[in-house]
Amino acid sequence: MPESTSTSLHLAVALDGAGWHPAAWREPEARPEELFTARYWADLAAEAERGLLDLLTFEDGLSLQSDEPFAPDARTDRVRGRLDSVLVAARIAPLTRHIGLVPTAVVPYTEPFHLSKAVATLDFVSSGRAGLRVKISGRPDEAAHFGRRRAPDLTRSDVLAEELAEAADYVEVLRRLWDSWEDDAEIRDAATGRFVDRDKLHYIDFAGPRFRVRGPSITPRPPQGQPLVASLAHGPETFQLAGGSADLAFITPPDPDAARAALAAIRAAQHTAGRDAETVHVFADLAVFLDERPGAAADRLARLNGRAGAEYRGDARIFTGTAAELADLIEELAATGVTGFRLRPGALPYDLERITRDLVPELQRRGRFRTAYGASTLRGLLGLPRPANRYAPAATV
């Protein structure tokens, strides 16, 4: 299990529309007319990579954004609509060289076979920098788009546990499909006319309560072997999914004690799943509003709240202040054992630039963040090994 050291901090940024504040699109630096263009997302990724960040996550959903957790709203003063996150990541991949790309997928309504090859393809086009954040849904309007079943009531703990168990099965199918081609299954011998060794393609034969998948995949094993799997974890049931199935968990602690409790729950779930020997990273999420002058970020948040007509609230702790003050908070939370942080910029591109141009240099001065990329894959950046293929014969000495 990873331990926090003076040089081991990881940084991720969560990208969503014009920023996480609902009024961010009205800021002078915002680019609302470009939200549905490749250039907008490419520019954000380029800025993040200049800051040497480990990875970007891309929010996604299967219905229009809403201020309500389980229902649509009728607001017209918020950003509504988004591009497909996997396709955005694929478009950005050839324009970047080092940063990890982690789109979001709503797994109850997305077939694991389709998603496995999409993320495997992303790993190929990014040369080993792909990941995936799995997400469940309790929104009836999303369920109505597909007509397969009624939306689950995620306010009930038993239903939530059932949906997360399905998500764990989903991840297991993804992992089996990524392994269904052995690394040397492709022969590509023009002289003999053999392109593939069929004995090195494997049926996965997964059977669960919600779906059955035979396999093999139609896409060869990805460059990383297993692209990174991430999940958002902010409660007992979600801690189980993170510890049992994910490589990376995003937690939302309001204070250090909550961070320690979440970390302990994830480690316990990891142990129960027999994964003690594996590294499961745990990043703390923070919504950030940064400015160079003390008090300016709080003033900006107040102005944004006024425009939105309501105080901004979210599941993650909200930080307002300078880069030095945020670095202090990061160091305080890092002492709990979390291995990194996922920052949610309140407004884009402004707060992203404050992260890359102010926070990163501050952390570098403190010896808490890299000064150059040291690996070419996302797993490499996070110190994760390339997993052995479960279907390949064990190597003999």
Protein backbone atom coordinates (compact mmCIF):
# COMPACT_ATOMS: atom_id res chain seq x y z
CA MET A 1 0.00 0.00 0.00
CA PRO A 2 1.40 3.41 -0.91
CA GLU A 3 2.63 5.75 1.79
CA SER A 4 2.90 9.51 1.49
CA THR A 5 6.49 10.81 1.32
CA SER A 6 7.95 14.23 0.77
CA THR A 7 8.15 13.69 -2.98
CA SER A 8 5.28 11.32 -3.74
CA LEU A 9 2.30 13.61 -4.18
CA HIS A 10 0.22 13.21 -7.33
CA LEU A 11 -2.04 15.87 -8.84
CA ALA A 12 -5.08 15.43 -11.05
CA VAL A 13 -7.58 17.95 -12.38
CA ALA A 14 -11.27 17.25 -12.99
CA LEU A 15 -12.58 19.04 -16.07
CA ASP A 16 -16.26 19.85 -16.42
CA GLY A 17 -17.68 22.38 -18.88
CA ALA A 18 -16.66 25.95 -18.05
CA GLY A 19 -15.72 24.97 -14.50
CA TRP A 20 -17.40 23.50 -11.45
CA HIS A 21 -19.21 26.66 -10.42
CA PRO A 22 -22.53 26.95 -12.29
CA ALA A 23 -21.91 30.62 -13.15
CA ALA A 24 -18.34 30.07 -14.36
CA TRP A 25 -19.37 30.30 -18.02
CA ARG A 26 -20.18 34.00 -17.48
CA GLU A 27 -16.66 34.93 -16.32
CA PRO A 28 -14.58 37.22 -18.58
CA GLU A 29 -11.96 34.51 -19.20
CA ALA A 30 -14.54 31.81 -20.00
CA ARG A 31 -15.05 30.49 -23.52
CA PRO A 32 -18.69 29.36 -23.57
CA GLU A 33 -18.91 29.58 -27.35
CA GLU A 34 -16.14 26.96 -27.61
CA LEU A 35 -17.35 24.36 -25.09
CA PHE A 36 -18.29 21.97 -27.89
CA THR A 37 -15.06 22.36 -29.86
CA ALA A 38 -11.97 20.17 -29.85
CA ARG A 39 -9.74 23.24 -29.49
CA TYR A 40 -11.23 24.17 -26.11
CA TRP A 41 -10.45 20.78 -24.57
CA ALA A 42 -7.08 20.55 -26.29
CA ASP A 43 -6.07 23.92 -24.81
CA LEU A 44 -7.06 22.81 -21.30
CA ALA A 45 -5.11 19.57 -21.68
CA ALA A 46 -2.05 21.42 -22.95
CA GLU A 47 -2.16 23.74 -19.94
CA ALA A 48 -2.48 20.80 -17.56
CA GLU A 49 0.44 19.02 -19.19
CA ARG A 50 2.59 22.14 -18.93
CA GLY A 51 1.94 21.90 -15.21
CA LEU A 52 3.22 18.28 -15.16
CA LEU A 53 -0.08 16.97 -13.78
CA ASP A 54 -0.56 13.22 -13.55
CA LEU A 55 -3.97 12.99 -15.15
CA LEU A 56 -7.16 14.67 -16.25
CA THR A 57 -10.65 13.34 -15.61
CA PHE A 58 -13.57 14.29 -17.84
CA GLU A 59 -17.09 14.43 -16.44
CA ASP A 60 -19.91 12.79 -18.38
CA GLY A 61 -23.53 11.70 -18.04
CA LEU A 62 -26.45 10.35 -20.02
CA SER A 63 -28.82 13.27 -19.50
CA LEU A 64 -28.57 17.02 -19.27
CA GLN A 65 -26.82 18.45 -16.24
CA SER A 66 -29.11 19.41 -13.39
CA ASP A 67 -28.93 21.16 -10.04
CA GLU A 68 -31.09 18.32 -8.70
CA PRO A 69 -29.27 15.07 -7.86
CA PHE A 70 -31.88 12.65 -9.23
CA ALA A 71 -34.03 14.70 -11.61
CA PRO A 72 -33.73 17.17 -14.49
CA ASP A 73 -34.34 20.88 -13.98
CA ALA A 74 -35.64 23.63 -16.23
CA ARG A 75 -32.83 26.14 -15.68
CA THR A 76 -31.50 28.02 -18.68
CA ASP A 77 -28.79 30.00 -16.87
CA ARG A 78 -26.45 27.00 -16.50
CA VAL A 79 -24.24 25.13 -18.95
CA ARG A 80 -26.29 22.31 -20.39
CA GLY A 81 -25.05 19.65 -22.80
CA ARG A 82 -21.65 18.04 -23.13
CA LEU A 83 -19.46 16.05 -25.51
CA ASP A 84 -18.79 12.35 -25.05
CA SER A 85 -15.86 12.08 -22.63
CA VAL A 86 -14.22 9.03 -24.22
CA LEU A 87 -14.24 10.69 -27.63
CA VAL A 88 -12.90 13.95 -26.18
CA ALA A 89 -10.04 12.03 -24.56
CA ALA A 90 -9.32 10.25 -27.85
CA ARG A 91 -9.18 13.59 -29.66
CA ILE A 92 -6.79 15.03 -27.08
CA ALA A 93 -4.55 11.95 -26.92
CA PRO A 94 -2.39 12.65 -30.00
CA LEU A 95 -1.98 16.29 -28.95
CA THR A 96 -0.40 15.37 -25.59
CA ARG A 97 2.56 13.21 -24.66
CA HIS A 98 2.58 12.54 -20.92
CA ILE A 99 -0.64 13.33 -19.08
CA GLY A 100 -3.13 10.59 -18.27
CA LEU A 101 -6.63 10.80 -19.76
CA VAL A 102 -9.49 9.40 -17.68
CA PRO A 103 -13.01 9.78 -19.12
CA THR A 104 -16.18 8.91 -17.19
CA ALA A 105 -18.68 6.22 -18.12
CA VAL A 106 -22.15 5.62 -16.66
CA VAL A 107 -21.89 1.86 -16.45
CA PRO A 108 -25.50 0.68 -15.93
CA TYR A 109 -26.46 1.74 -19.45
CA THR A 110 -23.18 1.14 -21.30
CA GLU A 111 -22.30 -2.36 -22.47
CA PRO A 112 -18.98 -3.51 -20.96
CA PHE A 113 -17.87 -5.07 -24.25
CA HIS A 114 -18.25 -1.76 -26.10
CA LEU A 115 -16.58 0.24 -23.36
CA SER A 116 -13.68 -2.19 -23.04
CA LYS A 117 -12.68 -1.76 -26.66
CA ALA A 118 -13.23 2.02 -26.57
CA VAL A 119 -10.88 2.42 -23.60
CA ALA A 120 -8.41 -0.08 -25.06
CA THR A 121 -8.43 2.01 -28.24
CA LEU A 122 -7.82 5.15 -26.16
CA ASP A 123 -4.84 3.39 -24.59
CA PHE A 124 -3.45 2.63 -28.03
CA VAL A 125 -3.91 6.14 -29.44
CA SER A 126 -2.42 7.70 -26.29
CA SER A 127 0.49 5.21 -26.15
CA GLY A 128 -0.50 3.96 -22.72
CA ARG A 129 -2.15 6.90 -20.93
CA ALA A 130 -5.77 5.78 -20.73
CA GLY A 131 -7.98 5.29 -17.74
CA LEU A 132 -11.68 5.12 -16.94
CA ARG A 133 -13.86 6.38 -14.11
CA VAL A 134 -16.89 4.18 -13.56
CA LYS A 135 -20.09 5.86 -12.40
CA ILE A 136 -23.54 4.57 -11.47
CA SER A 137 -26.82 6.44 -11.92
CA GLY A 138 -30.09 6.80 -10.07
CA ARG A 139 -31.68 9.34 -12.42
CA PRO A 140 -35.04 8.33 -13.97
CA ASP A 141 -34.44 10.58 -17.00
CA GLU A 142 -31.28 8.64 -17.81
CA ALA A 143 -33.06 5.31 -17.42
CA ALA A 144 -35.84 6.56 -19.72
CA HIS A 145 -33.35 7.04 -22.56
CA PHE A 146 -32.78 3.29 -22.69
CA GLY A 147 -35.98 1.64 -21.48
CA ARG A 148 -34.23 -1.40 -20.06
CA ARG A 149 -35.23 -0.97 -16.43
CA ARG A 150 -36.44 1.54 -13.91
CA ALA A 151 -33.93 3.82 -12.27
CA PRO A 152 -32.75 2.46 -8.92
CA ASP A 153 -33.45 4.37 -5.72
CA LEU A 154 -29.90 5.10 -4.63
CA THR A 155 -31.10 6.69 -1.37
CA ARG A 156 -31.71 3.13 -0.14
CA SER A 157 -28.50 1.53 1.10
CA ASP A 158 -29.48 -1.97 -0.05
CA VAL A 159 -30.24 -0.75 -3.57
CA LEU A 160 -27.03 1.28 -3.66
CA ALA A 161 -25.05 -1.77 -2.59
CA GLU A 162 -26.67 -3.83 -5.35
CA GLU A 163 -25.86 -1.24 -8.01
CA LEU A 164 -22.27 -0.99 -6.84
CA ALA A 165 -21.97 -4.79 -6.89
CA GLU A 166 -23.04 -4.63 -10.54
CA ALA A 167 -20.39 -1.96 -11.13
CA ALA A 168 -17.80 -4.28 -9.60
CA ASP A 169 -18.90 -7.04 -11.99
CA TYR A 170 -18.66 -4.53 -14.81
CA VAL A 171 -15.05 -3.74 -13.91
CA GLU A 172 -14.27 -7.43 -13.72
CA VAL A 173 -15.60 -7.90 -17.26
CA LEU A 174 -13.50 -4.97 -18.50
CA ARG A 175 -10.39 -6.44 -16.94
CA ARG A 176 -11.03 -9.90 -18.36
CA LEU A 177 -11.65 -8.50 -21.84
CA TRP A 178 -8.44 -6.44 -21.71
CA ASP A 179 -6.62 -9.69 -20.85
CA SER A 180 -8.45 -11.82 -23.42
CA TRP A 181 -5.59 -11.32 -25.90
CA GLU A 182 -2.19 -12.42 -24.67
CA ASP A 183 0.56 -9.88 -25.27
CA ASP A 184 2.13 -11.91 -28.07
CA ALA A 185 -1.13 -13.03 -29.71
CA GLU A 186 -0.34 -11.02 -32.85
CA ILE A 187 2.21 -12.80 -35.04
CA ARG A 188 2.02 -10.57 -38.15
CA ASP A 189 4.11 -12.96 -40.23
CA ALA A 190 3.47 -12.08 -43.87
CA ALA A 191 5.65 -14.93 -45.13
CA THR A 192 3.54 -17.63 -43.48
CA GLY A 193 0.26 -15.73 -43.71
CA ARG A 194 -0.32 -15.89 -39.95
CA PHE A 195 -1.45 -12.62 -38.38
CA VAL A 196 -2.74 -13.91 -35.06
CA ASP A 197 -2.25 -16.97 -32.87
CA ARG A 198 -5.83 -18.01 -32.16
CA ASP A 199 -4.73 -20.11 -29.18
CA LYS A 200 -3.70 -16.88 -27.44
CA LEU A 201 -7.18 -15.35 -27.65
CA HIS A 202 -9.38 -16.41 -24.76
CA TYR A 203 -13.07 -16.66 -23.97
CA ILE A 204 -13.77 -14.87 -20.68
CA ASP A 205 -17.14 -16.59 -20.09
CA PHE A 206 -18.39 -14.13 -17.48
CA ALA A 207 -21.88 -14.79 -16.11
CA GLY A 208 -23.49 -12.43 -13.62
CA PRO A 209 -27.00 -11.44 -12.55
CA ARG A 210 -27.21 -8.51 -15.01
CA PHE A 211 -25.12 -9.57 -18.01
CA ARG A 212 -23.16 -12.37 -19.60
CA VAL A 213 -20.10 -11.81 -21.77
CA ARG A 214 -18.29 -14.56 -23.63
CA GLY A 215 -15.41 -12.69 -25.28
CA PRO A 216 -12.74 -12.45 -26.47
CA SER A 217 -12.35 -8.77 -27.24
CA ILE A 218 -11.85 -7.64 -30.81
CA THR A 219 -9.08 -5.27 -29.66
CA PRO A 220 -5.61 -6.57 -28.71
CA ARG A 221 -4.35 -6.17 -25.16
CA PRO A 222 -3.80 -2.46 -24.44
CA PRO A 223 -0.28 -1.03 -24.07
CA GLN A 224 -0.70 -0.75 -20.28
CA GLY A 225 -2.12 -4.26 -20.09
CA GLN A 226 -4.85 -2.86 -17.88
CA PRO A 227 -5.88 0.79 -18.31
CA LEU A 228 -6.41 2.55 -15.00
CA VAL A 229 -9.83 2.09 -13.34
CA ALA A 230 -11.00 4.88 -11.01
CA SER A 231 -14.11 5.47 -8.93
CA LEU A 232 -15.55 8.24 -6.77
CA ALA A 233 -15.88 7.06 -3.18
CA HIS A 234 -17.68 9.07 -0.52
CA GLY A 235 -19.58 6.53 1.55
CA PRO A 236 -19.37 2.99 2.98
CA GLU A 237 -20.75 1.21 -0.09
CA THR A 238 -18.58 3.18 -2.52
CA PHE A 239 -15.51 2.49 -0.39
CA GLN A 240 -16.14 -1.20 -1.07
CA LEU A 241 -16.11 -0.67 -4.83
CA ALA A 242 -12.93 1.41 -4.63
CA GLY A 243 -11.01 -1.04 -2.48
CA GLY A 244 -12.29 -4.13 -4.23
CA SER A 245 -12.12 -3.11 -7.88
CA ALA A 246 -10.37 0.20 -8.58
CA ASP A 247 -6.77 1.30 -9.03
CA LEU A 248 -7.60 4.85 -7.94
CA ALA A 249 -10.27 6.23 -5.61
CA PHE A 250 -11.37 9.85 -5.37
CA ILE A 251 -12.62 10.70 -1.88
CA THR A 252 -14.34 13.88 -0.68
CA PRO A 253 -13.26 14.46 2.94
CA PRO A 254 -14.30 17.71 4.66
CA ASP A 255 -11.36 17.45 7.09
CA PRO A 256 -8.31 15.28 7.91
CA ASP A 257 -10.25 12.98 10.25
CA ALA A 258 -12.72 12.19 7.48
CA ALA A 259 -9.81 11.51 5.12
CA ARG A 260 -8.30 9.04 7.58
CA ALA A 261 -11.65 7.28 8.01
CA ALA A 262 -12.20 7.00 4.26
CA LEU A 263 -8.69 5.74 3.71
CA ALA A 264 -9.09 3.12 6.44
CA ALA A 265 -12.38 1.93 4.93
CA ILE A 266 -10.85 1.59 1.47
CA ARG A 267 -7.83 -0.28 2.84
CA ALA A 268 -10.18 -2.62 4.73
CA ALA A 269 -12.13 -3.30 1.53
CA GLN A 270 -8.86 -3.85 -0.29
CA HIS A 271 -7.86 -6.44 2.30
CA THR A 272 -11.23 -8.20 2.13
CA ALA A 273 -10.86 -8.45 -1.65
CA GLY A 274 -7.44 -10.05 -1.29
CA ARG A 275 -5.67 -7.07 -2.83
CA ASP A 276 -3.19 -6.24 -0.08
CA ALA A 277 -0.26 -6.66 -2.46
CA GLU A 278 -1.73 -4.19 -4.96
CA THR A 279 -1.44 -0.40 -4.92
CA VAL A 280 -4.77 1.40 -4.73
CA HIS A 281 -4.20 5.14 -4.86
CA VAL A 282 -6.52 7.42 -2.90
CA PHE A 283 -6.81 11.06 -4.02
CA ALA A 284 -8.68 13.70 -2.03
CA ASP A 285 -10.99 15.92 -4.10
CA LEU A 286 -11.02 19.69 -3.57
CA ALA A 287 -13.04 22.33 -5.42
CA VAL A 288 -10.62 25.23 -5.79
CA PHE A 289 -10.87 28.97 -6.37
CA LEU A 290 -7.36 30.41 -6.48
CA ASP A 291 -5.98 33.94 -6.70
CA GLU A 292 -2.63 35.58 -6.09
CA ARG A 293 -3.94 38.19 -3.64
CA PRO A 294 -5.29 37.06 -0.23
CA GLY A 295 -9.07 37.39 -0.11
CA ALA A 296 -9.48 37.75 -3.87
CA ALA A 297 -10.61 34.17 -4.42
CA ALA A 298 -13.28 34.44 -1.73
CA ASP A 299 -14.50 37.68 -3.31
CA ARG A 300 -14.65 35.99 -6.71
CA LEU A 301 -16.62 33.06 -5.31
CA ALA A 302 -19.07 35.50 -3.70
CA ARG A 303 -19.51 37.28 -7.03
CA LEU A 304 -20.12 33.96 -8.81
CA ASN A 305 -22.63 32.96 -6.15
CA GLY A 306 -24.45 36.25 -6.71
CA ARG A 307 -24.67 35.59 -10.42
CA ALA A 308 -25.89 32.04 -9.82
CA GLY A 309 -28.48 33.19 -7.29
CA ALA A 310 -27.35 30.60 -4.76
CA GLU A 311 -24.33 29.59 -2.72
CA TYR A 312 -22.17 27.04 -4.49
CA ARG A 313 -22.22 23.66 -2.78
CA GLY A 314 -20.87 20.30 -3.79
CA ASP A 315 -19.78 16.95 -2.45
CA ALA A 316 -16.13 18.07 -2.17
CA ARG A 317 -14.57 20.57 0.20
CA ILE A 318 -14.44 24.09 -1.28
CA PHE A 319 -11.15 25.96 -1.00
CA THR A 320 -10.66 29.67 -1.61
CA GLY A 321 -7.28 31.32 -1.20
CA THR A 322 -3.75 31.60 -2.56
CA ALA A 323 -1.54 28.88 -3.95
CA ALA A 324 0.57 28.91 -0.80
CA GLU A 325 -2.54 28.45 1.35
CA LEU A 326 -3.71 25.57 -0.83
CA ALA A 327 -0.25 23.99 -0.61
CA ASP A 328 -0.55 24.19 3.18
CA LEU A 329 -3.90 22.38 3.07
CA ILE A 330 -2.53 19.77 0.68
CA GLU A 331 0.36 19.05 3.01
CA GLU A 332 -2.02 18.78 5.96
CA LEU A 333 -4.23 16.28 4.13
CA ALA A 334 -1.24 14.39 2.72
CA ALA A 335 -0.21 13.61 6.29
CA THR A 336 -3.34 11.43 6.58
CA GLY A 337 -1.94 8.98 4.02
CA VAL A 338 -3.74 10.04 0.85
CA THR A 339 -1.41 9.73 -2.12
CA GLY A 340 -2.66 12.61 -4.23
CA PHE A 341 -5.30 15.21 -4.95
CA ARG A 342 -7.88 15.78 -7.64
CA LEU A 343 -8.58 19.47 -7.98
CA ARG A 344 -11.86 20.74 -9.42
CA PRO A 345 -11.26 24.22 -10.91
CA GLY A 346 -14.12 26.54 -10.02
CA ALA A 347 -13.79 28.45 -13.30
CA LEU A 348 -11.97 27.51 -16.51
CA PRO A 349 -9.43 28.32 -17.68
CA TYR A 350 -8.63 30.74 -14.84
CA ASP A 351 -8.38 28.33 -11.92
CA LEU A 352 -6.61 25.69 -13.99
CA GLU A 353 -3.93 28.27 -14.82
CA ARG A 354 -3.59 29.18 -11.15
CA ILE A 355 -3.05 25.47 -10.42
CA THR A 356 -0.39 24.99 -13.09
CA ARG A 357 1.34 28.36 -12.82
CA ASP A 358 1.07 29.10 -9.08
CA LEU A 359 0.30 25.94 -7.10
CA VAL A 360 2.64 23.58 -8.95
CA PRO A 361 5.70 25.88 -8.55
CA GLU A 362 4.83 26.32 -4.86
CA LEU A 363 4.70 22.55 -4.33
CA GLN A 364 7.94 22.15 -6.28
CA ARG A 365 9.64 24.69 -4.01
CA ARG A 366 8.54 22.57 -1.06
CA GLY A 367 9.86 19.40 -2.68
CA ARG A 368 6.37 17.88 -2.89
CA PHE A 369 5.90 17.60 -6.67
CA ARG A 370 7.88 16.51 -9.70
CA THR A 371 9.88 18.90 -11.85
CA ALA A 372 9.70 16.72 -14.96
CA TYR A 373 7.70 13.76 -16.20
CA GLY A 374 9.49 10.52 -15.37
CA ALA A 375 7.32 7.94 -17.15
CA SER A 376 5.55 7.60 -20.47
CA THR A 377 2.41 5.77 -19.30
CA LEU A 378 -0.27 6.62 -16.76
CA ARG A 379 0.53 3.52 -14.75
CA GLY A 380 4.16 4.56 -14.80
CA LEU A 381 3.35 8.05 -13.53
CA LEU A 382 1.45 6.53 -10.61
CA GLY A 383 4.06 3.87 -9.88
CA LEU A 384 1.73 1.03 -10.85
CA PRO A 385 3.20 -2.07 -12.53
CA ARG A 386 1.96 -3.46 -15.81
CA PRO A 387 -0.16 -6.44 -14.69
CA ALA A 388 0.50 -9.96 -15.88
CA ASN A 389 -2.13 -11.42 -18.17
CA ARG A 390 -4.43 -13.71 -16.20
CA TYR A 391 -4.89 -16.07 -19.17
CA ALA A 392 -1.25 -16.43 -20.20
CA PRO A 393 0.76 -19.38 -18.90
CA ALA A 394 2.95 -18.42 -15.95
CA ALA A 395 6.52 -17.80 -16.99
CA THR A 396 8.97 -20.56 -16.07
CA VAL A 397 12.58 -20.00 -15.09
